[in-house]
């Protein structure tokens, strides 16, 4: 059965306010128009929704049931509209602590300058956030991420504090900061592959492991040391002369950053953010 949305709004307002006049004021209509809408609705439904006693009105039993349903329905619609409108003016992102601290937060101002009508809200967490309109950037095994969801494949290399003397891999013992993931299902950083690629299999290396790449990078800068970590997290630091690369070759890993169900984010603000983050990570 088709009923007028305007009639339902008139009924909901009159039922909630207990007055045709107050409903008219709320909806910027006349009391006569409110009465007309409700009469048409009653005629369409073939029921009485109000008991009319002069200018006083009260709901019938059927009217009370419909009033509860329409009030709940309009509240849900209003809430959804508010959420959609917010999604059009703000990008809400959740990701790992390392990507947030080393990439997203330092680049946040650049994104907002390029997109002055969109603000970025960043939170951290390791599990996929299922709330609507939150974009979860996850760090995971390439074998479990769909190709269409991947925004960056990870490579690894050794970096040192800016200005330090390049390490003598063949002569001296080397302390190397690296990562042992909290999530044991993730592939290990490809250190053995990196050593083989760079002909350093026999190097005397002592590993100091952290549970987040962020901590190893910070420790290397603080101690004038070396860190084996992702190239994604170090790009900005190298450009800013806080870290340096040596004459070593990076290696690809089995790790990537991805957004689960990336194609499901359809707002214009989400599309701009996803294009932007792919550009800065690649």
Protein backbone atom coordinates (compact mmCIF):
# COMPACT_ATOMS: atom_id res chain seq x y z
CA UNK A 1 0.00 0.00 0.00
CA UNK A 2 1.32 3.42 -0.96
CA UNK A 3 0.83 6.23 1.52
CA UNK A 4 2.12 9.78 1.36
CA UNK A 5 5.42 10.38 3.17
CA UNK A 6 4.21 13.90 3.95
CA UNK A 7 1.05 12.45 5.50
CA UNK A 8 3.12 10.11 7.66
CA UNK A 9 5.30 13.01 8.77
CA UNK A 10 2.20 15.06 9.61
CA UNK A 11 0.77 12.15 11.60
CA UNK A 12 4.05 11.45 13.43
CA UNK A 13 4.47 15.09 14.40
CA UNK A 14 0.85 15.49 15.55
CA UNK A 15 1.03 12.25 17.54
CA UNK A 16 4.30 13.27 19.19
CA UNK A 17 3.24 16.86 19.91
CA UNK A 18 -0.39 16.03 20.78
CA UNK A 19 -1.66 18.88 18.62
CA UNK A 20 -2.37 19.64 14.98
CA UNK A 21 -1.33 23.26 15.58
CA UNK A 22 2.03 22.33 17.12
CA UNK A 23 2.63 19.84 14.30
CA UNK A 24 1.83 22.59 11.79
CA UNK A 25 4.35 24.92 13.45
CA UNK A 26 7.01 22.18 13.43
CA UNK A 27 6.50 21.33 9.76
CA UNK A 28 5.85 24.91 8.55
CA UNK A 29 2.33 24.02 7.41
CA UNK A 30 -1.14 25.20 8.42
CA UNK A 31 -3.27 23.24 10.93
CA UNK A 32 -5.77 22.74 8.10
CA UNK A 33 -3.07 21.10 5.95
CA UNK A 34 -2.07 18.83 8.85
CA UNK A 35 -5.70 17.83 9.37
CA UNK A 36 -6.12 17.20 5.63
CA UNK A 37 -3.01 14.96 5.46
CA UNK A 38 -4.11 12.92 8.46
CA UNK A 39 -7.68 12.56 7.17
CA UNK A 40 -6.34 11.29 3.86
CA UNK A 41 -4.07 8.84 5.71
CA UNK A 42 -6.99 7.56 7.79
CA UNK A 43 -9.09 7.19 4.64
CA UNK A 44 -6.27 5.31 2.88
CA UNK A 45 -5.80 2.97 5.86
CA UNK A 46 -9.53 2.76 6.62
CA UNK A 47 -8.93 3.36 10.35
CA UNK A 48 -9.28 6.17 12.88
CA UNK A 49 -5.88 7.26 14.18
CA UNK A 50 -7.08 10.08 16.43
CA UNK A 51 -10.06 10.69 18.67
CA UNK A 52 -11.11 14.27 17.99
CA UNK A 53 -12.85 16.21 20.75
CA UNK A 54 -13.12 19.77 19.45
CA UNK A 55 -9.55 21.04 19.23
CA UNK A 56 -8.28 18.29 21.52
CA UNK A 57 -6.94 15.09 20.00
CA UNK A 58 -5.79 11.77 21.42
CA UNK A 59 -4.49 8.64 19.74
CA UNK A 60 -6.57 5.56 19.22
CA UNK A 61 -5.03 2.17 19.97
CA UNK A 62 -4.17 1.76 16.29
CA UNK A 63 -2.81 5.32 16.24
CA UNK A 64 -0.50 4.54 19.18
CA UNK A 65 0.95 1.52 17.35
CA UNK A 66 1.50 3.48 14.15
CA UNK A 67 2.94 6.46 16.08
CA UNK A 68 5.56 4.23 17.72
CA UNK A 69 6.53 2.70 14.36
CA UNK A 70 6.71 6.04 12.50
CA UNK A 71 8.71 7.72 15.28
CA UNK A 72 11.26 4.90 15.29
CA UNK A 73 11.39 4.89 11.50
CA UNK A 74 11.97 8.63 11.15
CA UNK A 75 14.63 8.53 13.90
CA UNK A 76 16.49 5.83 11.98
CA UNK A 77 16.21 7.81 8.75
CA UNK A 78 17.47 10.99 10.45
CA UNK A 79 20.37 9.07 12.01
CA UNK A 80 21.29 7.52 8.65
CA UNK A 81 21.13 10.88 6.88
CA UNK A 82 23.36 12.44 9.53
CA UNK A 83 25.86 9.60 9.15
CA UNK A 84 25.86 9.91 5.35
CA UNK A 85 26.32 13.68 5.53
CA UNK A 86 29.24 13.26 7.94
CA UNK A 87 30.78 10.68 5.64
CA UNK A 88 30.74 13.27 2.86
CA UNK A 89 32.78 15.77 4.87
CA UNK A 90 35.09 13.52 6.92
CA UNK A 91 37.24 10.48 6.23
CA UNK A 92 37.47 8.15 9.21
CA UNK A 93 40.45 5.79 9.04
CA UNK A 94 41.62 3.03 11.36
CA UNK A 95 45.01 1.39 10.86
CA UNK A 96 48.16 0.10 12.57
CA UNK A 97 50.01 2.29 15.04
CA UNK A 98 53.11 2.32 12.84
CA UNK A 99 51.35 3.45 9.64
CA UNK A 100 49.37 6.06 11.57
CA UNK A 101 52.43 7.53 13.31
CA UNK A 102 54.94 7.30 10.46
CA UNK A 103 52.75 8.06 7.43
CA UNK A 104 49.15 9.17 7.98
CA UNK A 105 49.51 11.68 10.80
CA UNK A 106 52.56 13.44 9.24
CA UNK A 107 50.72 13.63 5.89
CA UNK A 108 47.28 14.54 7.28
CA UNK A 109 47.74 18.28 6.75
CA UNK A 110 48.73 17.70 3.11
CA UNK A 111 45.54 15.72 2.46
CA UNK A 112 43.32 18.32 4.13
CA UNK A 113 45.02 21.15 2.24
CA UNK A 114 44.41 19.36 -1.06
CA UNK A 115 40.83 18.56 0.02
CA UNK A 116 39.70 21.56 2.10
CA UNK A 117 36.13 20.27 2.44
CA UNK A 118 37.21 16.92 3.91
CA UNK A 119 38.71 16.31 7.34
CA UNK A 120 40.61 13.15 8.30
CA UNK A 121 40.04 11.27 11.56
CA UNK A 122 42.67 8.62 12.39
CA UNK A 123 42.46 5.85 14.98
CA UNK A 124 44.58 2.76 15.51
CA UNK A 125 43.71 -0.89 15.92
CA UNK A 126 44.59 -4.30 14.56
CA UNK A 127 41.09 -5.71 13.93
CA UNK A 128 38.79 -4.66 11.11
CA UNK A 129 36.37 -2.01 12.34
CA UNK A 130 32.92 -2.90 11.04
CA UNK A 131 31.30 0.49 11.57
CA UNK A 132 29.88 2.11 8.46
CA UNK A 133 32.08 4.58 6.61
CA UNK A 134 35.26 3.75 8.57
CA UNK A 135 38.09 2.82 6.19
CA UNK A 136 40.24 0.06 7.73
CA UNK A 137 43.80 0.01 6.35
CA UNK A 138 45.22 -3.34 7.38
CA UNK A 139 48.69 -4.86 7.35
CA UNK A 140 48.62 -8.50 6.38
CA UNK A 141 49.70 -11.49 4.34
CA UNK A 142 49.28 -10.94 0.60
CA UNK A 143 47.81 -14.44 0.33
CA UNK A 144 44.73 -13.47 2.36
CA UNK A 145 44.10 -10.09 0.70
CA UNK A 146 42.22 -9.76 -2.58
CA UNK A 147 44.26 -8.11 -5.31
CA UNK A 148 41.59 -5.43 -5.71
CA UNK A 149 41.89 -4.55 -2.00
CA UNK A 150 45.68 -4.10 -1.91
CA UNK A 151 46.91 -0.50 -1.78
CA UNK A 152 50.65 -1.23 -1.35
CA UNK A 153 52.94 -4.26 -1.45
CA UNK A 154 55.69 -4.10 1.15
CA UNK A 155 59.42 -4.20 0.53
CA UNK A 156 62.14 -4.14 3.19
CA UNK A 157 65.62 -2.68 3.48
CA UNK A 158 68.14 -1.58 6.09
CA UNK A 159 68.17 2.07 7.12
CA UNK A 160 70.42 3.99 9.47
CA UNK A 161 70.28 7.20 11.44
CA UNK A 162 71.13 10.14 9.20
CA UNK A 163 74.83 10.99 9.14
CA UNK A 164 76.09 7.70 10.59
CA UNK A 165 79.01 5.90 8.97
CA UNK A 166 77.89 3.11 6.62
CA UNK A 167 78.22 -0.28 8.34
CA UNK A 168 81.10 -2.59 7.53
CA UNK A 169 79.10 -5.79 7.18
CA UNK A 170 82.08 -8.09 6.65
CA UNK A 171 84.32 -6.84 9.45
CA UNK A 172 82.30 -5.71 12.45
CA UNK A 173 79.47 -7.20 14.53
CA UNK A 174 76.24 -5.45 13.57
CA UNK A 175 73.29 -4.73 15.86
CA UNK A 176 70.13 -4.60 13.80
CA UNK A 177 66.71 -3.57 15.05
CA UNK A 178 63.83 -5.48 13.51
CA UNK A 179 60.27 -6.60 14.24
CA UNK A 180 58.66 -9.70 15.69
CA UNK A 181 54.96 -9.25 15.05
CA UNK A 182 52.38 -9.58 17.80
CA UNK A 183 50.23 -11.30 15.22
CA UNK A 184 51.98 -14.64 14.76
CA UNK A 185 50.05 -15.40 11.59
CA UNK A 186 51.95 -12.67 9.70
CA UNK A 187 54.98 -13.63 7.60
CA UNK A 188 58.28 -12.67 9.23
CA UNK A 189 60.26 -9.72 7.88
CA UNK A 190 62.33 -11.18 4.99
CA UNK A 191 65.75 -10.71 6.60
CA UNK A 192 67.25 -13.98 5.31
CA UNK A 193 66.18 -13.10 1.77
CA UNK A 194 67.62 -9.59 2.16
CA UNK A 195 70.98 -10.94 3.37
CA UNK A 196 71.14 -13.39 0.45
CA UNK A 197 70.16 -10.70 -2.09
CA UNK A 198 72.91 -8.40 -0.82
CA UNK A 199 75.55 -11.14 -0.46
CA UNK A 200 75.71 -10.76 3.32
CA UNK A 201 74.79 -14.26 4.48
CA UNK A 202 77.91 -14.51 6.66
CA UNK A 203 77.52 -11.14 8.38
CA UNK A 204 77.82 -11.12 12.17
CA UNK A 205 74.40 -9.74 13.09
CA UNK A 206 72.78 -9.41 16.50
CA UNK A 207 69.03 -8.80 16.31
CA UNK A 208 67.04 -6.66 18.71
CA UNK A 209 63.34 -7.19 18.12
CA UNK A 210 60.34 -4.96 18.79
CA UNK A 211 56.67 -5.84 18.37
CA UNK A 212 56.03 -2.81 16.14
CA UNK A 213 58.17 -1.37 13.35
CA UNK A 214 57.60 2.10 14.78
CA UNK A 215 59.69 1.27 17.86
CA UNK A 216 62.63 -0.17 15.93
CA UNK A 217 62.75 2.90 13.66
CA UNK A 218 62.65 5.27 16.63
CA UNK A 219 65.38 3.31 18.41
CA UNK A 220 67.65 3.40 15.36
CA UNK A 221 67.34 7.18 15.15
CA UNK A 222 67.87 7.60 18.89
CA UNK A 223 70.91 5.31 19.10
CA UNK A 224 72.54 6.16 15.76
CA UNK A 225 71.80 2.58 14.77
CA UNK A 226 70.41 0.36 12.02
CA UNK A 227 66.90 -0.92 11.44
CA UNK A 228 65.54 -3.53 9.05
CA UNK A 229 62.02 -2.40 8.22
CA UNK A 230 59.51 -1.57 5.54
CA UNK A 231 60.31 1.03 2.92
CA UNK A 232 56.76 2.41 3.24
CA UNK A 233 57.33 3.65 6.78
CA UNK A 234 60.73 5.20 6.09
CA UNK A 235 60.08 7.17 2.87
CA UNK A 236 59.19 10.43 4.62
CA UNK A 237 62.02 10.05 7.15
CA UNK A 238 64.59 9.56 4.39
CA UNK A 239 63.30 12.63 2.55
CA UNK A 240 63.48 14.62 5.79
CA UNK A 241 67.10 13.53 6.46
CA UNK A 242 66.21 11.66 9.63
CA UNK A 243 67.14 8.27 8.18
CA UNK A 244 69.43 7.26 5.34
CA UNK A 245 69.71 4.35 2.94
CA UNK A 246 72.94 2.56 2.18
CA UNK A 247 74.13 0.80 -0.96
CA UNK A 248 71.87 -2.18 -0.35
CA UNK A 249 69.02 -3.57 -2.39
CA UNK A 250 65.48 -3.74 -0.98
CA UNK A 251 63.58 -7.02 -1.17
CA UNK A 252 59.90 -7.73 -1.64
CA UNK A 253 57.99 -9.43 1.17
CA UNK A 254 54.79 -11.44 1.58
CA UNK A 255 53.20 -8.48 3.35
CA UNK A 256 50.95 -5.70 2.12
CA UNK A 257 48.65 -2.90 3.19
CA UNK A 258 45.07 -3.45 2.10
CA UNK A 259 41.52 -2.22 2.67
CA UNK A 260 39.02 -5.09 3.06
CA UNK A 261 36.19 -4.69 0.54
CA UNK A 262 37.79 -1.51 -0.79
CA UNK A 263 35.24 -1.17 -3.60
CA UNK A 264 32.40 -0.87 -1.07
CA UNK A 265 33.48 2.63 -0.04
CA UNK A 266 31.43 4.74 -2.42
CA UNK A 267 31.40 8.26 -0.97
CA UNK A 268 33.37 10.89 -2.86
CA UNK A 269 35.48 11.65 0.20
CA UNK A 270 36.42 7.97 0.57
CA UNK A 271 37.33 7.74 -3.12
CA UNK A 272 39.59 10.79 -2.85
CA UNK A 273 41.28 9.40 0.26
CA UNK A 274 41.87 5.96 -1.27
CA UNK A 275 43.39 7.48 -4.41
CA UNK A 276 45.57 9.72 -2.25
CA UNK A 277 46.81 6.97 0.08
CA UNK A 278 47.70 4.70 -2.85
CA UNK A 279 49.73 7.53 -4.38
CA UNK A 280 51.76 8.22 -1.24
CA UNK A 281 52.38 4.56 -0.45
CA UNK A 282 53.63 3.67 -3.92
